[in-house]
Amino acid sequence: MTVMDRRAMLGTFFGASAIAVLGLEAASSAALSAPLSTMKAPPTPANNLVQDAVVVVRRPRRRVCWWRRGRRVCAWR
């Protein structure tokens, strides 16, 4: 059995992936053009479109500094 070099391996990989992409493209276009076998029921209108709002109150953030392991650390808190 012969050893494949990098160029031959990449060529085989990209060739196979290109064929797979073309096959998926052909299958998806055939699936889109196929008629539906059953009729779908029309969508029902939603009864309650208004929902209660959720209010989240956050404290204002501020930048604080402190000492950690002998070094000054500043961050938003």
Protein backbone atom coordinates (compact mmCIF):
# COMPACT_ATOMS: atom_id res chain seq x y z
CA MET A 1 0.00 0.00 0.00
CA THR A 2 1.42 3.38 -0.97
CA VAL A 3 1.74 6.28 1.43
CA MET A 4 -0.35 9.36 0.58
CA ASP A 5 1.36 12.71 0.74
CA ARG A 6 -0.26 15.82 2.16
CA ARG A 7 -1.24 17.29 -1.22
CA ALA A 8 -3.01 14.10 -2.34
CA MET A 9 -4.80 13.78 1.00
CA LEU A 10 -6.05 17.40 0.89
CA GLY A 11 -7.11 16.99 -2.73
CA THR A 12 -9.12 13.90 -1.85
CA PHE A 13 -10.66 15.61 1.19
CA PHE A 14 -11.69 18.78 -0.66
CA GLY A 15 -12.92 16.80 -3.65
CA ALA A 16 -15.12 14.62 -1.45
CA SER A 17 -16.45 17.67 0.43
CA ALA A 18 -17.29 19.43 -2.86
CA ILE A 19 -19.21 16.37 -4.07
CA ALA A 20 -21.06 16.21 -0.73
CA VAL A 21 -22.04 19.90 -0.99
CA LEU A 22 -23.32 19.43 -4.53
CA GLY A 23 -25.31 16.36 -3.46
CA LEU A 24 -26.90 18.24 -0.55
CA GLU A 25 -27.76 21.14 -2.85
CA ALA A 26 -29.47 18.83 -5.32
CA ALA A 27 -31.37 17.05 -2.55
CA SER A 28 -32.59 20.30 -0.98
CA SER A 29 -33.83 21.73 -4.29
CA ALA A 30 -35.68 18.47 -5.02
CA ALA A 31 -37.23 18.52 -1.55
CA LEU A 32 -38.39 22.12 -1.97
CA SER A 33 -40.02 21.43 -5.33
CA ALA A 34 -41.87 18.30 -4.14
CA PRO A 35 -45.59 18.83 -3.41
CA LEU A 36 -46.92 18.33 0.10
CA SER A 37 -48.80 15.08 0.57
CA THR A 38 -51.21 16.42 3.20
CA MET A 39 -52.88 19.79 3.57
CA LYS A 40 -51.97 21.76 6.66
CA ALA A 41 -54.62 23.39 8.80
CA PRO A 42 -54.58 27.21 8.77
CA PRO A 43 -52.86 28.74 11.77
CA THR A 44 -55.12 29.74 14.65
CA PRO A 45 -54.94 33.36 15.82
CA ALA A 46 -53.34 33.97 19.18
CA ASN A 47 -55.77 35.07 21.87
CA ASN A 48 -53.45 36.80 24.30
CA LEU A 49 -50.75 38.84 22.59
CA VAL A 50 -50.24 41.27 25.47
CA GLN A 51 -48.04 40.09 28.32
CA ASP A 52 -47.10 41.73 31.59
CA ALA A 53 -43.72 43.45 31.52
CA VAL A 54 -41.01 42.28 33.88
CA VAL A 55 -39.12 45.14 35.49
CA VAL A 56 -35.59 44.51 36.70
CA VAL A 57 -34.09 47.22 38.90
CA ARG A 58 -30.32 47.21 39.09
CA ARG A 59 -28.07 49.29 41.22
CA PRO A 60 -25.76 51.63 39.35
CA ARG A 61 -22.36 50.16 38.75
CA ARG A 62 -19.26 51.87 40.03
CA ARG A 63 -15.56 51.33 39.57
CA VAL A 64 -13.83 50.31 42.79
CA CYS A 65 -10.23 49.41 43.57
CA TRP A 66 -8.81 47.09 46.23
CA TRP A 67 -5.57 45.34 47.09
CA ARG A 68 -5.13 41.69 46.21
CA ARG A 69 -1.86 39.83 46.86
CA GLY A 70 0.11 43.07 47.06
CA ARG A 71 -1.28 44.52 43.83
CA ARG A 72 -4.00 47.04 43.20
CA VAL A 73 -7.01 45.63 41.32
CA CYS A 74 -9.73 47.86 39.85
CA ALA A 75 -13.03 46.57 38.48
CA TRP A 76 -16.66 47.43 38.03
CA ARG A 77 -18.86 46.43 40.96
